[in-house]
Amino acid sequence: MASGPYGKVSISVEECKGCGLCVESCPPQCLHLAPELSAYGVHPASYDGTGCTGCGICFYCCPEPGAIVVYKLRTPHPAMNQTRGEHAPAL
């Protein structure tokens, strides 16, 4: 059903404490704990780079402020693809 990415996740390795709550709560399962340890000795969360729906559940369940930022990607409206001077059909 998903035709493309609708969101993007940015995870701060310095802020992530490796609790795994975001990984467990992610509906599309595009987050995982990294195999390498951070400077703090934990496995930080990592984004696969694909599959994010932009729902923000990972952001809301994360106990560490600033560790996760979710960006909702905008898809251009079909009328915006028209060249200058042409009128888009009324919706």
PDB file of N, CA and C in Angstrom:
ATOM      1  N   MET A   1       0.812  -1.181   0.000  1.00  0.00           N
ATOM      2  CA  MET A   1       0.000   0.000   0.000  1.00  0.00           C
ATOM      3  C   MET A   1       0.861   1.252   0.000  1.00  0.00           C
ATOM      4  N   ALA A   2       1.998   1.217   0.676  1.00  0.00           N
ATOM      5  CA  ALA A   2       2.874   2.375   0.711  1.00  0.00           C
ATOM      6  C   ALA A   2       3.592   2.505  -0.623  1.00  0.00           C
ATOM      7  N   SER A   3       3.497   3.709  -1.209  1.00  0.00           N
ATOM      8  CA  SER A   3       4.112   3.918  -2.506  1.00  0.00           C
ATOM      9  C   SER A   3       5.504   4.506  -2.390  1.00  0.00           C
ATOM     10  N   GLY A   4       5.861   4.968  -1.239  1.00  0.00           N
ATOM     11  CA  GLY A   4       7.174   5.548  -1.058  1.00  0.00           C
ATOM     12  C   GLY A   4       7.343   6.003   0.374  1.00  0.00           C
ATOM     13  N   PRO A   5       8.506   6.566   0.688  1.00  0.00           N
ATOM     14  CA  PRO A   5       8.715   7.011   2.064  1.00  0.00           C
ATOM     15  C   PRO A   5       7.863   8.235   2.383  1.00  0.00           C
ATOM     16  N   TYR A   6       7.307   8.252   3.561  1.00  0.00           N
ATOM     17  CA  TYR A   6       6.505   9.382   4.010  1.00  0.00           C
ATOM     18  C   TYR A   6       7.181  10.119   5.144  1.00  0.00           C
ATOM     19  N   GLY A   7       8.261   9.557   5.647  1.00  0.00           N
ATOM     20  CA  GLY A   7       8.960  10.182   6.751  1.00  0.00           C
ATOM     21  C   GLY A   7      10.424   9.813   6.768  1.00  0.00           C
ATOM     22  N   LYS A   8      11.130  10.459   7.668  1.00  0.00           N
ATOM     23  CA  LYS A   8      12.560  10.214   7.835  1.00  0.00           C
ATOM     24  C   LYS A   8      12.867  10.377   9.320  1.00  0.00           C
ATOM     25  N   VAL A   9      13.709   9.530   9.850  1.00  0.00           N
ATOM     26  CA  VAL A   9      14.055   9.568  11.265  1.00  0.00           C
ATOM     27  C   VAL A   9      15.524   9.955  11.416  1.00  0.00           C
ATOM     28  N   SER A  10      15.769  10.869  12.328  1.00  0.00           N
ATOM     29  CA  SER A  10      17.136  11.254  12.663  1.00  0.00           C
ATOM     30  C   SER A  10      17.356  10.908  14.133  1.00  0.00           C
ATOM     31  N   ILE A  11      18.382  10.130  14.403  1.00  0.00           N
ATOM     32  CA  ILE A  11      18.670   9.688  15.769  1.00  0.00           C
ATOM     33  C   ILE A  11      20.030  10.222  16.187  1.00  0.00           C
ATOM     34  N   SER A  12      20.067  10.888  17.326  1.00  0.00           N
ATOM     35  CA  SER A  12      21.312  11.393  17.877  1.00  0.00           C
ATOM     36  C   SER A  12      21.966  10.291  18.701  1.00  0.00           C
ATOM     37  N   VAL A  13      23.077   9.792  18.218  1.00  0.00           N
ATOM     38  CA  VAL A  13      23.784   8.707  18.900  1.00  0.00           C
ATOM     39  C   VAL A  13      24.265   9.170  20.275  1.00  0.00           C
ATOM     40  N   GLU A  14      24.584  10.454  20.407  1.00  0.00           N
ATOM     41  CA  GLU A  14      25.051  10.981  21.685  1.00  0.00           C
ATOM     42  C   GLU A  14      23.936  11.024  22.727  1.00  0.00           C
ATOM     43  N   GLU A  15      22.689  11.155  22.296  1.00  0.00           N
ATOM     44  CA  GLU A  15      21.558  11.246  23.222  1.00  0.00           C
ATOM     45  C   GLU A  15      20.885   9.894  23.475  1.00  0.00           C
ATOM     46  N   CYS A  16      20.947   8.997  22.515  1.00  0.00           N
ATOM     47  CA  CYS A  16      20.269   7.705  22.627  1.00  0.00           C
ATOM     48  C   CYS A  16      20.909   6.860  23.724  1.00  0.00           C
ATOM     49  N   LYS A  17      20.077   6.300  24.584  1.00  0.00           N
ATOM     50  CA  LYS A  17      20.562   5.468  25.689  1.00  0.00           C
ATOM     51  C   LYS A  17      20.420   3.977  25.411  1.00  0.00           C
ATOM     52  N   GLY A  18      19.949   3.626  24.206  1.00  0.00           N
ATOM     53  CA  GLY A  18      19.873   2.220  23.814  1.00  0.00           C
ATOM     54  C   GLY A  18      18.792   1.414  24.508  1.00  0.00           C
ATOM     55  N   CYS A  19      17.723   2.054  24.965  1.00  0.00           N
ATOM     56  CA  CYS A  19      16.673   1.329  25.692  1.00  0.00           C
ATOM     57  C   CYS A  19      15.833   0.436  24.774  1.00  0.00           C
ATOM     58  N   GLY A  20      15.750   0.787  23.494  1.00  0.00           N
ATOM     59  CA  GLY A  20      15.020  -0.037  22.536  1.00  0.00           C
ATOM     60  C   GLY A  20      13.525   0.205  22.474  1.00  0.00           C
ATOM     61  N   LEU A  21      13.001   1.178  23.224  1.00  0.00           N
ATOM     62  CA  LEU A  21      11.565   1.444  23.186  1.00  0.00           C
ATOM     63  C   LEU A  21      11.095   1.872  21.798  1.00  0.00           C
ATOM     64  N   CYS A  22      11.895   2.667  21.109  1.00  0.00           N
ATOM     65  CA  CYS A  22      11.519   3.115  19.767  1.00  0.00           C
ATOM     66  C   CYS A  22      11.492   1.943  18.791  1.00  0.00           C
ATOM     67  N   VAL A  23      12.447   1.034  18.941  1.00  0.00           N
ATOM     68  CA  VAL A  23      12.526  -0.139  18.061  1.00  0.00           C
ATOM     69  C   VAL A  23      11.292  -1.011  18.237  1.00  0.00           C
ATOM     70  N   GLU A  24      10.896  -1.229  19.481  1.00  0.00           N
ATOM     71  CA  GLU A  24       9.729  -2.074  19.768  1.00  0.00           C
ATOM     72  C   GLU A  24       8.422  -1.422  19.334  1.00  0.00           C
ATOM     73  N   SER A  25       8.359  -0.100  19.355  1.00  0.00           N
ATOM     74  CA  SER A  25       7.100   0.571  19.057  1.00  0.00           C
ATOM     75  C   SER A  25       6.935   0.959  17.588  1.00  0.00           C
ATOM     76  N   CYS A  26       7.948   0.812  16.774  1.00  0.00           N
ATOM     77  CA  CYS A  26       7.912   1.242  15.363  1.00  0.00           C
ATOM     78  C   CYS A  26       7.022   0.310  14.528  1.00  0.00           C
ATOM     79  N   PRO A  27       5.859   0.811  14.051  1.00  0.00           N
ATOM     80  CA  PRO A  27       4.970  -0.052  13.262  1.00  0.00           C
ATOM     81  C   PRO A  27       5.594  -0.624  11.982  1.00  0.00           C
ATOM     82  N   PRO A  28       6.324   0.195  11.177  1.00  0.00           N
ATOM     83  CA  PRO A  28       6.918  -0.389   9.966  1.00  0.00           C
ATOM     84  C   PRO A  28       8.233  -1.125  10.225  1.00  0.00           C
ATOM     85  N   GLN A  29       8.676  -1.153  11.469  1.00  0.00           N
ATOM     86  CA  GLN A  29       9.904  -1.847  11.866  1.00  0.00           C
ATOM     87  C   GLN A  29      11.134  -1.406  11.069  1.00  0.00           C
ATOM     88  N   CYS A  30      11.283  -0.088  10.954  1.00  0.00           N
ATOM     89  CA  CYS A  30      12.439   0.433  10.223  1.00  0.00           C
ATOM     90  C   CYS A  30      13.547   0.920  11.159  1.00  0.00           C
ATOM     91  N   LEU A  31      13.377   0.691  12.461  1.00  0.00           N
ATOM     92  CA  LEU A  31      14.411   1.024  13.433  1.00  0.00           C
ATOM     93  C   LEU A  31      14.983  -0.254  14.023  1.00  0.00           C
ATOM     94  N   HIS A  32      16.247  -0.219  14.369  1.00  0.00           N
ATOM     95  CA  HIS A  32      16.878  -1.359  15.034  1.00  0.00           C
ATOM     96  C   HIS A  32      17.994  -0.827  15.928  1.00  0.00           C
ATOM     97  N   LEU A  33      18.473  -1.649  16.827  1.00  0.00           N
ATOM     98  CA  LEU A  33      19.625  -1.270  17.643  1.00  0.00           C
ATOM     99  C   LEU A  33      20.890  -1.594  16.866  1.00  0.00           C
ATOM    100  N   ALA A  34      21.778  -0.634  16.791  1.00  0.00           N
ATOM    101  CA  ALA A  34      23.020  -0.794  16.036  1.00  0.00           C
ATOM    102  C   ALA A  34      23.899  -1.862  16.670  1.00  0.00           C
ATOM    103  N   PRO A  35      24.618  -2.628  15.866  1.00  0.00           N
ATOM    104  CA  PRO A  35      25.500  -3.660  16.424  1.00  0.00           C
ATOM    105  C   PRO A  35      26.720  -3.073  17.142  1.00  0.00           C
ATOM    106  N   GLU A  36      27.158  -1.869  16.744  1.00  0.00           N
ATOM    107  CA  GLU A  36      28.322  -1.260  17.381  1.00  0.00           C
ATOM    108  C   GLU A  36      27.891  -0.444  18.600  1.00  0.00           C
ATOM    109  N   LEU A  37      28.796  -0.320  19.529  1.00  0.00           N
ATOM    110  CA  LEU A  37      28.543   0.432  20.750  1.00  0.00           C
ATOM    111  C   LEU A  37      28.844   1.910  20.538  1.00  0.00           C
ATOM    112  N   SER A  38      28.076   2.759  21.229  1.00  0.00           N
ATOM    113  CA  SER A  38      28.351   4.186  21.203  1.00  0.00           C
ATOM    114  C   SER A  38      29.471   4.488  22.190  1.00  0.00           C
ATOM    115  N   ALA A  39      29.855   5.747  22.299  1.00  0.00           N
ATOM    116  CA  ALA A  39      30.898   6.151  23.249  1.00  0.00           C
ATOM    117  C   ALA A  39      30.462   5.902  24.690  1.00  0.00           C
ATOM    118  N   TYR A  40      29.136   5.769  24.900  1.00  0.00           N
ATOM    119  CA  TYR A  40      28.599   5.523  26.239  1.00  0.00           C
ATOM    120  C   TYR A  40      28.463   4.032  26.549  1.00  0.00           C
ATOM    121  N   GLY A  41      28.842   3.178  25.606  1.00  0.00           N
ATOM    122  CA  GLY A  41      28.812   1.737  25.836  1.00  0.00           C
ATOM    123  C   GLY A  41      27.449   1.090  25.657  1.00  0.00           C
ATOM    124  N   VAL A  42      26.576   1.720  24.869  1.00  0.00           N
ATOM    125  CA  VAL A  42      25.250   1.159  24.601  1.00  0.00           C
ATOM    126  C   VAL A  42      25.078   0.981  23.089  1.00  0.00           C
ATOM    127  N   HIS A  43      24.138   0.154  22.719  1.00  0.00           N
ATOM    128  CA  HIS A  43      23.786  -0.018  21.308  1.00  0.00           C
ATOM    129  C   HIS A  43      22.700   0.996  20.979  1.00  0.00           C
ATOM    130  N   PRO A  44      23.044   2.082  20.287  1.00  0.00           N
ATOM    131  CA  PRO A  44      22.044   3.106  20.004  1.00  0.00           C
ATOM    132  C   PRO A  44      21.071   2.655  18.912  1.00  0.00           C
ATOM    133  N   ALA A  45      19.921   3.279  18.889  1.00  0.00           N
ATOM    134  CA  ALA A  45      18.948   3.000  17.841  1.00  0.00           C
ATOM    135  C   ALA A  45      19.487   3.511  16.514  1.00  0.00           C
ATOM    136  N   SER A  46      19.049   2.885  15.445  1.00  0.00           N
ATOM    137  CA  SER A  46      19.495   3.243  14.110  1.00  0.00           C
ATOM    138  C   SER A  46      18.323   3.118  13.147  1.00  0.00           C
ATOM    139  N   TYR A  47      18.277   4.014  12.160  1.00  0.00           N
ATOM    140  CA  TYR A  47      17.223   4.015  11.146  1.00  0.00           C
ATOM    141  C   TYR A  47      17.728   3.302   9.904  1.00  0.00           C
ATOM    142  N   ASP A  48      16.910   2.398   9.352  1.00  0.00           N
ATOM    143  CA  ASP A  48      17.282   1.638   8.151  1.00  0.00           C
ATOM    144  C   ASP A  48      17.434   2.516   6.914  1.00  0.00           C
ATOM    145  N   GLY A  49      16.775   3.662   6.919  1.00  0.00           N
ATOM    146  CA  GLY A  49      16.831   4.554   5.765  1.00  0.00           C
ATOM    147  C   GLY A  49      15.639   4.422   4.846  1.00  0.00           C
ATOM    148  N   THR A  50      14.797   3.425   5.055  1.00  0.00           N
ATOM    149  CA  THR A  50      13.601   3.253   4.239  1.00  0.00           C
ATOM    150  C   THR A  50      12.448   2.762   5.109  1.00  0.00           C
ATOM    151  N   GLY A  51      11.248   2.992   4.632  1.00  0.00           N
ATOM    152  CA  GLY A  51      10.072   2.438   5.276  1.00  0.00           C
ATOM    153  C   GLY A  51       9.397   3.311   6.308  1.00  0.00           C
ATOM    154  N   CYS A  52       9.960   4.447   6.647  1.00  0.00           N
ATOM    155  CA  CYS A  52       9.363   5.302   7.675  1.00  0.00           C
ATOM    156  C   CYS A  52       8.065   5.902   7.153  1.00  0.00           C
ATOM    157  N   THR A  53       7.020   5.818   7.971  1.00  0.00           N
ATOM    158  CA  THR A  53       5.727   6.397   7.602  1.00  0.00           C
ATOM    159  C   THR A  53       5.551   7.794   8.164  1.00  0.00           C
ATOM    160  N   GLY A  54       6.459   8.230   9.023  1.00  0.00           N
ATOM    161  CA  GLY A  54       6.362   9.555   9.624  1.00  0.00           C
ATOM    162  C   GLY A  54       5.335   9.627  10.738  1.00  0.00           C
ATOM    163  N   CYS A  55       4.959   8.491  11.309  1.00  0.00           N
ATOM    164  CA  CYS A  55       3.907   8.463  12.338  1.00  0.00           C
ATOM    165  C   CYS A  55       4.342   9.146  13.631  1.00  0.00           C
ATOM    166  N   GLY A  56       5.635   9.117  13.962  1.00  0.00           N
ATOM    167  CA  GLY A  56       6.141   9.772  15.154  1.00  0.00           C
ATOM    168  C   GLY A  56       6.025   8.975  16.434  1.00  0.00           C
ATOM    169  N   ILE A  57       5.597   7.726  16.350  1.00  0.00           N
ATOM    170  CA  ILE A  57       5.459   6.921  17.562  1.00  0.00           C
ATOM    171  C   ILE A  57       6.801   6.764  18.267  1.00  0.00           C
ATOM    172  N   CYS A  58       7.862   6.588  17.525  1.00  0.00           N
ATOM    173  CA  CYS A  58       9.191   6.449  18.127  1.00  0.00           C
ATOM    174  C   CYS A  58       9.563   7.711  18.905  1.00  0.00           C
ATOM    175  N   PHE A  59       9.224   8.860  18.357  1.00  0.00           N
ATOM    176  CA  PHE A  59       9.508  10.131  19.022  1.00  0.00           C
ATOM    177  C   PHE A  59       8.767  10.236  20.346  1.00  0.00           C
ATOM    178  N   TYR A  60       7.490   9.878  20.338  1.00  0.00           N
ATOM    179  CA  TYR A  60       6.665  10.022  21.535  1.00  0.00           C
ATOM    180  C   TYR A  60       6.990   9.000  22.621  1.00  0.00           C
ATOM    181  N   CYS A  61       7.499   7.849  22.256  1.00  0.00           N
ATOM    182  CA  CYS A  61       7.809   6.844  23.276  1.00  0.00           C
ATOM    183  C   CYS A  61       9.234   6.972  23.804  1.00  0.00           C
ATOM    184  N   CYS A  62      10.070   7.751  23.160  1.00  0.00           N
ATOM    185  CA  CYS A  62      11.464   7.897  23.580  1.00  0.00           C
ATOM    186  C   CYS A  62      11.552   8.703  24.886  1.00  0.00           C
ATOM    187  N   PRO A  63      12.189   8.133  25.902  1.00  0.00           N
ATOM    188  CA  PRO A  63      12.299   8.844  27.175  1.00  0.00           C
ATOM    189  C   PRO A  63      13.394   9.915  27.195  1.00  0.00           C
ATOM    190  N   GLU A  64      14.207   9.977  26.164  1.00  0.00           N
ATOM    191  CA  GLU A  64      15.328  10.913  26.137  1.00  0.00           C
ATOM    192  C   GLU A  64      15.033  12.080  25.190  1.00  0.00           C
ATOM    193  N   PRO A  65      14.770  13.269  25.733  1.00  0.00           N
ATOM    194  CA  PRO A  65      14.469  14.428  24.876  1.00  0.00           C
ATOM    195  C   PRO A  65      15.610  14.724  23.907  1.00  0.00           C
ATOM    196  N   GLY A  66      15.279  14.891  22.665  1.00  0.00           N
ATOM    197  CA  GLY A  66      16.274  15.227  21.654  1.00  0.00           C
ATOM    198  C   GLY A  66      16.973  14.055  21.010  1.00  0.00           C
ATOM    199  N   ALA A  67      16.669  12.840  21.416  1.00  0.00           N
ATOM    200  CA  ALA A  67      17.345  11.690  20.832  1.00  0.00           C
ATOM    201  C   ALA A  67      16.791  11.351  19.451  1.00  0.00           C
ATOM    202  N   ILE A  68      15.482  11.532  19.254  1.00  0.00           N
ATOM    203  CA  ILE A  68      14.847  11.180  17.979  1.00  0.00           C
ATOM    204  C   ILE A  68      14.082  12.379  17.436  1.00  0.00           C
ATOM    205  N   VAL A  69      14.273  12.625  16.148  1.00  0.00           N
ATOM    206  CA  VAL A  69      13.491  13.632  15.436  1.00  0.00           C
ATOM    207  C   VAL A  69      12.897  12.946  14.222  1.00  0.00           C
ATOM    208  N   VAL A  70      11.580  13.119  14.040  1.00  0.00           N
ATOM    209  CA  VAL A  70      10.900  12.531  12.888  1.00  0.00           C
ATOM    210  C   VAL A  70      10.495  13.655  11.954  1.00  0.00           C
ATOM    211  N   TYR A  71      10.867  13.504  10.700  1.00  0.00           N
ATOM    212  CA  TYR A  71      10.511  14.477   9.676  1.00  0.00           C
ATOM    213  C   TYR A  71       9.422  13.888   8.801  1.00  0.00           C
ATOM    214  N   LYS A  72       8.343  14.596   8.656  1.00  0.00           N
ATOM    215  CA  LYS A  72       7.258  14.179   7.770  1.00  0.00           C
ATOM    216  C   LYS A  72       7.582  14.746   6.389  1.00  0.00           C
ATOM    217  N   LEU A  73       7.743  13.870   5.414  1.00  0.00           N
ATOM    218  CA  LEU A  73       8.087  14.301   4.062  1.00  0.00           C
ATOM    219  C   LEU A  73       6.841  14.770   3.336  1.00  0.00           C
ATOM    220  N   ARG A  74       6.979  15.836   2.637  1.00  0.00           N
ATOM    221  CA  ARG A  74       5.865  16.363   1.854  1.00  0.00           C
ATOM    222  C   ARG A  74       5.944  15.824   0.440  1.00  0.00           C
ATOM    223  N   THR A  75       4.805  15.454  -0.073  1.00  0.00           N
ATOM    224  CA  THR A  75       4.737  15.080  -1.480  1.00  0.00           C
ATOM    225  C   THR A  75       4.078  16.234  -2.208  1.00  0.00           C
ATOM    226  N   PRO A  76       4.623  16.664  -3.322  1.00  0.00           N
ATOM    227  CA  PRO A  76       4.056  17.818  -4.011  1.00  0.00           C
ATOM    228  C   PRO A  76       2.649  17.535  -4.515  1.00  0.00           C
ATOM    229  N   HIS A  77       1.809  18.525  -4.394  1.00  0.00           N
ATOM    230  CA  HIS A  77       0.443  18.439  -4.909  1.00  0.00           C
ATOM    231  C   HIS A  77       0.517  18.384  -6.427  1.00  0.00           C
ATOM    232  N   PRO A  78      -0.345  17.584  -7.100  1.00  0.00           N
ATOM    233  CA  PRO A  78      -0.290  17.489  -8.562  1.00  0.00           C
ATOM    234  C   PRO A  78      -0.387  18.838  -9.260  1.00  0.00           C
ATOM    235  N   ALA A  79      -1.107  19.770  -8.669  1.00  0.00           N
ATOM    236  CA  ALA A  79      -1.246  21.092  -9.288  1.00  0.00           C
ATOM    237  C   ALA A  79       0.084  21.847  -9.283  1.00  0.00           C
ATOM    238  N   MET A  80       0.964  21.514  -8.362  1.00  0.00           N
ATOM    239  CA  MET A  80       2.248  22.191  -8.277  1.00  0.00           C
ATOM    240  C   MET A  80       3.205  21.745  -9.374  1.00  0.00           C
ATOM    241  N   ASN A  81       2.910  20.637 -10.037  1.00  0.00           N
ATOM    242  CA  ASN A  81       3.764  20.137 -11.108  1.00  0.00           C
ATOM    243  C   ASN A  81       3.496  20.816 -12.435  1.00  0.00           C
ATOM    244  N   GLN A  82       2.498  21.657 -12.486  1.00  0.00           N
ATOM    245  CA  GLN A  82       2.170  22.363 -13.719  1.00  0.00           C
ATOM    246  C   GLN A  82       3.235  23.424 -13.988  1.00  0.00           C
ATOM    247  N   THR A  83       3.520  23.655 -15.261  1.00  0.00           N
ATOM    248  CA  THR A  83       4.482  24.691 -15.598  1.00  0.00           C
ATOM    249  C   THR A  83       3.836  26.049 -15.412  1.00  0.00           C
ATOM    250  N   ARG A  84       4.665  27.049 -15.273  1.00  0.00           N
ATOM    251  CA  ARG A  84       4.168  28.406 -15.044  1.00  0.00           C
ATOM    252  C   ARG A  84       3.306  28.847 -16.221  1.00  0.00           C
ATOM    253  N   GLY A  85       2.176  29.449 -15.913  1.00  0.00           N
ATOM    254  CA  GLY A  85       1.273  29.931 -16.955  1.00  0.00           C
ATOM    255  C   GLY A  85       0.123  28.989 -17.245  1.00  0.00           C
ATOM    256  N   GLU A  86       0.261  27.722 -16.919  1.00  0.00           N
ATOM    257  CA  GLU A  86      -0.819  26.773 -17.119  1.00  0.00           C
ATOM    258  C   GLU A  86      -1.690  26.733 -15.889  1.00  0.00           C
ATOM    259  N   HIS A  87      -2.947  26.476 -16.079  1.00  0.00           N
ATOM    260  CA  HIS A  87      -3.870  26.387 -14.959  1.00  0.00           C
ATOM    261  C   HIS A  87      -4.112  24.926 -14.635  1.00  0.00           C
ATOM    262  N   ALA A  88      -4.059  24.631 -13.370  1.00  0.00           N
ATOM    263  CA  ALA A  88      -4.342  23.261 -12.925  1.00  0.00           C
ATOM    264  C   ALA A  88      -5.847  23.068 -12.868  1.00  0.00           C
ATOM    265  N   PRO A  89      -6.314  21.855 -13.121  1.00  0.00           N
ATOM    266  CA  PRO A  89      -7.748  21.597 -13.032  1.00  0.00           C
ATOM    267  C   PRO A  89      -8.241  21.792 -11.602  1.00  0.00           C
ATOM    268  N   ALA A  90      -9.460  22.259 -11.475  1.00  0.00           N
ATOM    269  CA  ALA A  90     -10.051  22.480 -10.157  1.00  0.00           C
ATOM    270  C   ALA A  90     -10.295  21.125  -9.495  1.00  0.00           C
ATOM    271  N   LEU A  91     -10.014  21.072  -8.212  1.00  0.00           N
ATOM    272  CA  LEU A  91     -10.204  19.825  -7.470  1.00  0.00           C
ATOM    273  C   LEU A  91     -11.508  19.820  -6.753  1.00  0.00           C
TER     274      LEU A  91
END
